[in-house]
C-alpha atoms as a PDB file:
ATOM      1  CA  MET A   1      -1.377   5.455  24.056  1.00  0.00           C
ATOM      2  CA  LYS A   2      -1.343   9.196  25.030  1.00  0.00           C
ATOM      3  CA  ARG A   3      -1.493  11.463  21.695  1.00  0.00           C
ATOM      4  CA  ASP A   4       2.055  12.832  22.316  1.00  0.00           C
ATOM      5  CA  GLU A   5       3.017   9.216  22.185  1.00  0.00           C
ATOM      6  CA  GLN A   6       1.520   8.723  18.592  1.00  0.00           C
ATOM      7  CA  THR A   7       4.107   7.623  16.351  1.00  0.00           C
ATOM      8  CA  THR A   8       2.123   7.785  13.016  1.00  0.00           C
ATOM      9  CA  THR A   9       0.681  11.255  12.488  1.00  0.00           C
ATOM     10  CA  PHE A  10      -1.843  12.153   9.626  1.00  0.00           C
ATOM     11  CA  ALA A  11       0.999  14.006   7.530  1.00  0.00           C
ATOM     12  CA  ASP A  12       2.703  10.337   7.677  1.00  0.00           C
ATOM     13  CA  ILE A  13      -0.614   8.779   6.326  1.00  0.00           C
ATOM     14  CA  GLN A  14      -0.655  11.465   3.488  1.00  0.00           C
ATOM     15  CA  LYS A  15       2.868  10.724   2.604  1.00  0.00           C
ATOM     16  CA  ILE A  16       2.002   7.040   2.323  1.00  0.00           C
ATOM     17  CA  PHE A  17      -0.843   7.700  -0.018  1.00  0.00           C
ATOM     18  CA  ASP A  18       1.149  10.350  -1.921  1.00  0.00           C
ATOM     19  CA  ASP A  19       4.187   7.863  -2.513  1.00  0.00           C
ATOM     20  CA  ALA A  20       1.697   5.244  -3.315  1.00  0.00           C
ATOM     21  CA  VAL A  21       0.605   7.094  -6.232  1.00  0.00           C
ATOM     22  CA  GLN A  22       3.740   8.702  -7.054  1.00  0.00           C
ATOM     23  CA  ASN A  23       2.133  12.372  -6.177  1.00  0.00           C
ATOM     24  CA  GLU A  24      -0.089  11.829  -9.186  1.00  0.00           C
ATOM     25  CA  ASP A  25      -3.707  12.982  -9.217  1.00  0.00           C
ATOM     26  CA  ILE A  26      -5.195   9.837  -9.651  1.00  0.00           C
ATOM     27  CA  GLY A  27      -8.494   8.251 -11.121  1.00  0.00           C
ATOM     28  CA  ALA A  28     -11.838   9.803 -10.874  1.00  0.00           C
ATOM     29  CA  HIS A  29     -11.670  10.598  -6.897  1.00  0.00           C
ATOM     30  CA  GLY A  30      -8.551  12.309  -7.180  1.00  0.00           C
ATOM     31  CA  PRO A  31      -6.131  12.912  -4.284  1.00  0.00           C
ATOM     32  CA  PHE A  32      -8.976  12.936  -1.464  1.00  0.00           C
ATOM     33  CA  TRP A  33      -6.461  13.007   1.308  1.00  0.00           C
ATOM     34  CA  ARG A  34      -4.710  16.229   0.313  1.00  0.00           C
ATOM     35  CA  ASP A  35      -5.159  19.661   1.625  1.00  0.00           C
ATOM     36  CA  ILE A  36      -7.783  18.441   4.249  1.00  0.00           C
ATOM     37  CA  SER A  37      -7.319  17.876   7.984  1.00  0.00           C
ATOM     38  CA  ARG A  38      -7.347  14.830   9.848  1.00  0.00           C
ATOM     39  CA  ASP A  39     -10.664  15.401  11.220  1.00  0.00           C
ATOM     40  CA  GLU A  40     -11.956  16.108   7.571  1.00  0.00           C
ATOM     41  CA  PHE A  41     -10.136  13.015   6.281  1.00  0.00           C
ATOM     42  CA  VAL A  42     -11.992  10.364   9.039  1.00  0.00           C
ATOM     43  CA  SER A  43     -15.272  11.978   8.217  1.00  0.00           C
ATOM     44  CA  LYS A  44     -14.541  11.768   4.230  1.00  0.00           C
ATOM     45  CA  LYS A  45     -16.864  10.013   1.966  1.00  0.00           C
ATOM     46  CA  VAL A  46     -15.510   8.896  -1.607  1.00  0.00           C
ATOM     47  CA  PHE A  47     -18.341   8.140  -4.252  1.00  0.00           C
ATOM     48  CA  GLY A  48     -20.749   8.421  -1.529  1.00  0.00           C
ATOM     49  CA  CYS A  49     -18.693   5.834   0.690  1.00  0.00           C
ATOM     50  CA  GLN A  50     -17.655   6.896   4.213  1.00  0.00           C
ATOM     51  CA  ILE A  51     -13.842   5.893   3.904  1.00  0.00           C
ATOM     52  CA  ILE A  52     -13.346   5.375   7.959  1.00  0.00           C
ATOM     53  CA  PHE A  53     -15.539   3.130   9.749  1.00  0.00           C
ATOM     54  CA  SER A  54     -16.116   3.619  13.473  1.00  0.00           C
ATOM     55  CA  GLU A  55     -18.518   2.011  16.144  1.00  0.00           C
ATOM     56  CA  ALA A  56     -19.663   4.214  18.858  1.00  0.00           C
ATOM     57  CA  GLY A  57     -16.967   6.566  18.019  1.00  0.00           C
ATOM     58  CA  VAL A  58     -14.029   3.831  18.056  1.00  0.00           C
ATOM     59  CA  PHE A  59     -12.353   3.340  14.623  1.00  0.00           C
ATOM     60  CA  VAL A  60     -12.329  -0.278  13.540  1.00  0.00           C
ATOM     61  CA  GLY A  61      -9.988  -0.196  10.602  1.00  0.00           C
ATOM     62  CA  PRO A  62     -10.626  -4.062   9.159  1.00  0.00           C
ATOM     63  CA  LYS A  63     -14.051  -2.517   8.499  1.00  0.00           C
ATOM     64  CA  SER A  64     -13.075   0.597   6.927  1.00  0.00           C
ATOM     65  CA  PRO A  65     -13.933   0.779   3.049  1.00  0.00           C
ATOM     66  CA  LEU A  66     -10.586   2.481   2.683  1.00  0.00           C
ATOM     67  CA  VAL A  67      -8.890  -0.816   3.902  1.00  0.00           C
ATOM     68  CA  LYS A  68     -11.454  -3.121   2.203  1.00  0.00           C
ATOM     69  CA  ILE A  69     -11.037  -1.798  -1.027  1.00  0.00           C
ATOM     70  CA  LEU A  70      -7.221  -2.491  -1.051  1.00  0.00           C
ATOM     71  CA  GLN A  71      -7.975  -5.948  -0.263  1.00  0.00           C
ATOM     72  CA  ASN A  72     -10.719  -6.658  -2.592  1.00  0.00           C
ATOM     73  CA  SER A  73     -13.575  -5.108  -4.645  1.00  0.00           C
ATOM     74  CA  ILE A  74     -16.270  -3.551  -2.447  1.00  0.00           C
ATOM     75  CA  GLU A  75     -19.780  -2.607  -2.885  1.00  0.00           C
ATOM     76  CA  CYS A  76     -20.306   0.989  -2.002  1.00  0.00           C
ATOM     77  CA  PRO A  77     -22.747   2.586  -1.798  1.00  0.00           C
ATOM     78  CA  VAL A  78     -25.248  -0.437  -2.009  1.00  0.00           C
ATOM     79  CA  GLY A  79     -25.684  -1.774  -5.176  1.00  0.00           C
ATOM     80  CA  ARG A  80     -22.461  -0.206  -6.764  1.00  0.00           C
ATOM     81  CA  THR A  81     -19.283  -2.126  -7.056  1.00  0.00           C
ATOM     82  CA  ARG A  82     -15.822  -0.617  -6.772  1.00  0.00           C
ATOM     83  CA  PRO A  83     -12.996  -2.406  -7.837  1.00  0.00           C
ATOM     84  CA  GLN A  84      -9.956  -3.057  -5.696  1.00  0.00           C
ATOM     85  CA  MET A  85      -7.521  -0.409  -6.069  1.00  0.00           C
ATOM     86  CA  GLY A  86      -3.897  -1.021  -5.593  1.00  0.00           C
ATOM     87  CA  LEU A  87      -3.291  -3.294  -8.322  1.00  0.00           C
ATOM     88  CA  LEU A  88      -2.626  -1.213 -11.361  1.00  0.00           C
ATOM     89  CA  TYR A  89      -1.957   2.072  -9.488  1.00  0.00           C
ATOM     90  CA  PRO A  90      -0.669   4.278 -10.332  1.00  0.00           C
ATOM     91  CA  LEU A  91      -1.237   4.025 -14.110  1.00  0.00           C
END
């Protein structure tokens, strides 16, 4: 897909996150998606974890901690369990 044919923008993703937390500044990590560029977002680390996974420069959503933590708790960084997000948020 060409960039000009893209249907979902980073601004759309930011809105999805804001809607999910009702525009609140949630938890210890805060709204890490706000006030950054798309490039900053894809290289972002939260609690020392790279939130977007890529292999050879290709994003692999199912392996991304951002996706995984919405499905189950994850271990990130190694040895530190992070609880599943989304079940009780926003509080």
